[in-house]
Amino acid sequence: MIKTNRSFYKRIIKKKGKIKLLHNYHRHLLTKKTKKRKRKLKGNIYIRCQG
């Protein structure tokens, strides 16, 4: 049996027909990041499920 990587599934939220993700690099060490970079990392990513 192949062991799958479960860390990805802890970072997503399943919606109806979509998968909701958060942007990476927007949790800590925000003081050294520029305002523009932090602004681009705001919000969520939605991926449409196929099938």
PDB file of N, CA and C in Angstrom:
ATOM      1  N   MET A   1       0.841  -1.172   0.000  1.00  0.00           N
ATOM      2  CA  MET A   1       0.000   0.000   0.000  1.00  0.00           C
ATOM      3  C   MET A   1       0.891   1.243   0.000  1.00  0.00           C
ATOM      4  N   ILE A   2       0.543   2.207  -0.841  1.00  0.00           N
ATOM      5  CA  ILE A   2       1.307   3.448  -0.928  1.00  0.00           C
ATOM      6  C   ILE A   2       0.752   4.439   0.090  1.00  0.00           C
ATOM      7  N   LYS A   3       1.645   5.039   0.835  1.00  0.00           N
ATOM      8  CA  LYS A   3       1.245   6.026   1.825  1.00  0.00           C
ATOM      9  C   LYS A   3       1.145   7.392   1.130  1.00  0.00           C
ATOM     10  N   THR A   4      -0.014   8.019   1.195  1.00  0.00           N
ATOM     11  CA  THR A   4      -0.201   9.309   0.537  1.00  0.00           C
ATOM     12  C   THR A   4       0.187  10.433   1.477  1.00  0.00           C
ATOM     13  N   ASN A   5       0.463  11.582   0.890  1.00  0.00           N
ATOM     14  CA  ASN A   5       0.847  12.752   1.667  1.00  0.00           C
ATOM     15  C   ASN A   5      -0.427  13.431   2.186  1.00  0.00           C
ATOM     16  N   ARG A   6      -0.682  13.331   3.470  1.00  0.00           N
ATOM     17  CA  ARG A   6      -1.916  13.860   4.057  1.00  0.00           C
ATOM     18  C   ARG A   6      -1.804  15.340   4.412  1.00  0.00           C
ATOM     19  N   SER A   7      -0.619  15.920   4.334  1.00  0.00           N
ATOM     20  CA  SER A   7      -0.470  17.320   4.733  1.00  0.00           C
ATOM     21  C   SER A   7      -1.250  18.252   3.813  1.00  0.00           C
ATOM     22  N   PHE A   8      -1.392  17.901   2.541  1.00  0.00           N
ATOM     23  CA  PHE A   8      -2.159  18.724   1.601  1.00  0.00           C
ATOM     24  C   PHE A   8      -3.625  18.776   2.012  1.00  0.00           C
ATOM     25  N   TYR A   9      -4.176  17.671   2.433  1.00  0.00           N
ATOM     26  CA  TYR A   9      -5.593  17.606   2.785  1.00  0.00           C
ATOM     27  C   TYR A   9      -5.912  18.385   4.050  1.00  0.00           C
ATOM     28  N   LYS A  10      -4.907  18.680   4.867  1.00  0.00           N
ATOM     29  CA  LYS A  10      -5.125  19.487   6.066  1.00  0.00           C
ATOM     30  C   LYS A  10      -5.206  20.979   5.736  1.00  0.00           C
ATOM     31  N   ARG A  11      -4.747  21.361   4.545  1.00  0.00           N
ATOM     32  CA  ARG A  11      -4.700  22.765   4.156  1.00  0.00           C
ATOM     33  C   ARG A  11      -5.858  23.197   3.276  1.00  0.00           C
ATOM     34  N   ILE A  12      -6.743  22.282   2.898  1.00  0.00           N
ATOM     35  CA  ILE A  12      -7.828  22.627   1.987  1.00  0.00           C
ATOM     36  C   ILE A  12      -9.177  22.521   2.681  1.00  0.00           C
ATOM     37  N   ILE A  13     -10.143  23.208   2.126  1.00  0.00           N
ATOM     38  CA  ILE A  13     -11.530  23.112   2.581  1.00  0.00           C
ATOM     39  C   ILE A  13     -12.349  22.737   1.361  1.00  0.00           C
ATOM     40  N   LYS A  14     -13.112  21.680   1.463  1.00  0.00           N
ATOM     41  CA  LYS A  14     -13.906  21.220   0.330  1.00  0.00           C
ATOM     42  C   LYS A  14     -15.265  21.917   0.342  1.00  0.00           C
ATOM     43  N   LYS A  15     -15.631  22.487  -0.792  1.00  0.00           N
ATOM     44  CA  LYS A  15     -16.930  23.114  -0.992  1.00  0.00           C
ATOM     45  C   LYS A  15     -17.664  22.329  -2.070  1.00  0.00           C
ATOM     46  N   LYS A  16     -18.878  22.737  -2.385  1.00  0.00           N
ATOM     47  CA  LYS A  16     -19.622  22.058  -3.442  1.00  0.00           C
ATOM     48  C   LYS A  16     -18.972  22.318  -4.790  1.00  0.00           C
ATOM     49  N   GLY A  17     -18.367  21.312  -5.363  1.00  0.00           N
ATOM     50  CA  GLY A  17     -17.756  21.429  -6.685  1.00  0.00           C
ATOM     51  C   GLY A  17     -16.471  22.235  -6.724  1.00  0.00           C
ATOM     52  N   LYS A  18     -15.962  22.654  -5.553  1.00  0.00           N
ATOM     53  CA  LYS A  18     -14.756  23.474  -5.513  1.00  0.00           C
ATOM     54  C   LYS A  18     -13.867  23.038  -4.363  1.00  0.00           C
ATOM     55  N   ILE A  19     -12.594  23.375  -4.471  1.00  0.00           N
ATOM     56  CA  ILE A  19     -11.634  23.202  -3.379  1.00  0.00           C
ATOM     57  C   ILE A  19     -11.100  24.582  -3.051  1.00  0.00           C
ATOM     58  N   LYS A  20     -11.133  24.945  -1.784  1.00  0.00           N
ATOM     59  CA  LYS A  20     -10.688  26.265  -1.331  1.00  0.00           C
ATOM     60  C   LYS A  20      -9.299  26.140  -0.718  1.00  0.00           C
ATOM     61  N   LEU A  21      -8.361  26.950  -1.189  1.00  0.00           N
ATOM     62  CA  LEU A  21      -6.992  26.955  -0.691  1.00  0.00           C
ATOM     63  C   LEU A  21      -6.626  28.352  -0.206  1.00  0.00           C
ATOM     64  N   LEU A  22      -5.674  28.441   0.667  1.00  0.00           N
ATOM     65  CA  LEU A  22      -5.106  29.714   1.066  1.00  0.00           C
ATOM     66  C   LEU A  22      -3.761  29.892   0.382  1.00  0.00           C
ATOM     67  N   HIS A  23      -3.355  31.127   0.184  1.00  0.00           N
ATOM     68  CA  HIS A  23      -2.049  31.383  -0.423  1.00  0.00           C
ATOM     69  C   HIS A  23      -0.942  30.982   0.544  1.00  0.00           C
ATOM     70  N   ASN A  24       0.164  30.537   0.007  1.00  0.00           N
ATOM     71  CA  ASN A  24       1.344  30.237   0.803  1.00  0.00           C
ATOM     72  C   ASN A  24       2.058  31.528   1.186  1.00  0.00           C
ATOM     73  N   TYR A  25       2.924  31.451   2.190  1.00  0.00           N
ATOM     74  CA  TYR A  25       3.784  32.560   2.620  1.00  0.00           C
ATOM     75  C   TYR A  25       2.999  33.752   3.167  1.00  0.00           C
ATOM     76  N   HIS A  26       1.834  33.525   3.760  1.00  0.00           N
ATOM     77  CA  HIS A  26       1.079  34.643   4.319  1.00  0.00           C
ATOM     78  C   HIS A  26       0.670  34.353   5.763  1.00  0.00           C
ATOM     79  N   ARG A  27       1.504  33.629   6.493  1.00  0.00           N
ATOM     80  CA  ARG A  27       1.190  33.273   7.877  1.00  0.00           C
ATOM     81  C   ARG A  27       2.081  34.013   8.870  1.00  0.00           C
ATOM     82  N   HIS A  28       3.373  34.046   8.604  1.00  0.00           N
ATOM     83  CA  HIS A  28       4.295  34.656   9.564  1.00  0.00           C
ATOM     84  C   HIS A  28       5.441  35.325   8.803  1.00  0.00           C
ATOM     85  N   LEU A  29       6.286  36.038   9.529  1.00  0.00           N
ATOM     86  CA  LEU A  29       7.386  36.818   8.962  1.00  0.00           C
ATOM     87  C   LEU A  29       6.874  37.822   7.935  1.00  0.00           C
ATOM     88  N   LEU A  30       5.782  38.493   8.285  1.00  0.00           N
ATOM     89  CA  LEU A  30       5.160  39.420   7.349  1.00  0.00           C
ATOM     90  C   LEU A  30       5.822  40.791   7.358  1.00  0.00           C
ATOM     91  N   THR A  31       6.636  41.078   8.346  1.00  0.00           N
ATOM     92  CA  THR A  31       7.243  42.409   8.440  1.00  0.00           C
ATOM     93  C   THR A  31       8.275  42.627   7.342  1.00  0.00           C
ATOM     94  N   LYS A  32       8.942  41.589   6.905  1.00  0.00           N
ATOM     95  CA  LYS A  32       9.961  41.752   5.869  1.00  0.00           C
ATOM     96  C   LYS A  32       9.389  41.714   4.458  1.00  0.00           C
ATOM     97  N   LYS A  33       8.113  41.338   4.319  1.00  0.00           N
ATOM     98  CA  LYS A  33       7.482  41.293   3.003  1.00  0.00           C
ATOM     99  C   LYS A  33       6.900  42.671   2.653  1.00  0.00           C
ATOM    100  N   THR A  34       6.935  43.009   1.384  1.00  0.00           N
ATOM    101  CA  THR A  34       6.443  44.312   0.957  1.00  0.00           C
ATOM    102  C   THR A  34       4.917  44.349   1.011  1.00  0.00           C
ATOM    103  N   LYS A  35       4.367  45.569   1.022  1.00  0.00           N
ATOM    104  CA  LYS A  35       2.912  45.734   1.043  1.00  0.00           C
ATOM    105  C   LYS A  35       2.285  45.137  -0.206  1.00  0.00           C
ATOM    106  N   LYS A  36       2.940  45.324  -1.324  1.00  0.00           N
ATOM    107  CA  LYS A  36       2.425  44.802  -2.594  1.00  0.00           C
ATOM    108  C   LYS A  36       2.347  43.274  -2.554  1.00  0.00           C
ATOM    109  N   ARG A  37       3.391  42.649  -2.027  1.00  0.00           N
ATOM    110  CA  ARG A  37       3.425  41.190  -1.964  1.00  0.00           C
ATOM    111  C   ARG A  37       2.340  40.643  -1.044  1.00  0.00           C
ATOM    112  N   LYS A  38       2.157  41.295   0.113  1.00  0.00           N
ATOM    113  CA  LYS A  38       1.123  40.867   1.056  1.00  0.00           C
ATOM    114  C   LYS A  38      -0.277  41.061   0.483  1.00  0.00           C
ATOM    115  N   ARG A  39      -0.463  42.141  -0.275  1.00  0.00           N
ATOM    116  CA  ARG A  39      -1.750  42.411  -0.899  1.00  0.00           C
ATOM    117  C   ARG A  39      -2.096  41.337  -1.927  1.00  0.00           C
ATOM    118  N   LYS A  40      -1.090  40.881  -2.669  1.00  0.00           N
ATOM    119  CA  LYS A  40      -1.306  39.835  -3.676  1.00  0.00           C
ATOM    120  C   LYS A  40      -1.627  38.490  -3.024  1.00  0.00           C
ATOM    121  N   LEU A  41      -1.135  38.269  -1.810  1.00  0.00           N
ATOM    122  CA  LEU A  41      -1.351  37.001  -1.111  1.00  0.00           C
ATOM    123  C   LEU A  41      -2.690  36.944  -0.381  1.00  0.00           C
ATOM    124  N   LYS A  42      -3.411  38.071  -0.337  1.00  0.00           N
ATOM    125  CA  LYS A  42      -4.712  38.096   0.328  1.00  0.00           C
ATOM    126  C   LYS A  42      -5.720  37.248  -0.422  1.00  0.00           C
ATOM    127  N   GLY A  43      -6.742  36.835   0.279  1.00  0.00           N
ATOM    128  CA  GLY A  43      -7.827  36.120  -0.379  1.00  0.00           C
ATOM    129  C   GLY A  43      -7.561  34.628  -0.499  1.00  0.00           C
ATOM    130  N   ASN A  44      -8.449  33.956  -1.175  1.00  0.00           N
ATOM    131  CA  ASN A  44      -8.377  32.513  -1.315  1.00  0.00           C
ATOM    132  C   ASN A  44      -8.243  32.123  -2.781  1.00  0.00           C
ATOM    133  N   ILE A  45      -7.894  30.872  -2.995  1.00  0.00           N
ATOM    134  CA  ILE A  45      -7.816  30.296  -4.328  1.00  0.00           C
ATOM    135  C   ILE A  45      -8.918  29.239  -4.408  1.00  0.00           C
ATOM    136  N   TYR A  46      -9.691  29.251  -5.472  1.00  0.00           N
ATOM    137  CA  TYR A  46     -10.717  28.241  -5.673  1.00  0.00           C
ATOM    138  C   TYR A  46     -10.378  27.405  -6.887  1.00  0.00           C
ATOM    139  N   ILE A  47     -10.392  26.106  -6.720  1.00  0.00           N
ATOM    140  CA  ILE A  47     -10.132  25.168  -7.799  1.00  0.00           C
ATOM    141  C   ILE A  47     -11.395  24.369  -8.046  1.00  0.00           C
ATOM    142  N   ARG A  48     -11.809  24.329  -9.291  1.00  0.00           N
ATOM    143  CA  ARG A  48     -13.024  23.588  -9.658  1.00  0.00           C
ATOM    144  C   ARG A  48     -12.715  22.102  -9.699  1.00  0.00           C
ATOM    145  N   CYS A  49     -13.555  21.298  -9.080  1.00  0.00           N
ATOM    146  CA  CYS A  49     -13.393  19.850  -9.094  1.00  0.00           C
ATOM    147  C   CYS A  49     -13.949  19.297 -10.400  1.00  0.00           C
ATOM    148  N   GLN A  50     -13.277  18.331 -10.937  1.00  0.00           N
ATOM    149  CA  GLN A  50     -13.770  17.680 -12.150  1.00  0.00           C
ATOM    150  C   GLN A  50     -14.270  16.290 -11.781  1.00  0.00           C
ATOM    151  N   GLY A  51     -15.368  15.926 -12.376  1.00  0.00           N
ATOM    152  CA  GLY A  51     -15.870  14.580 -12.127  1.00  0.00           C
ATOM    153  C   GLY A  51     -17.245  14.511 -11.590  1.00  0.00           C
TER     154      GLY A  51
END
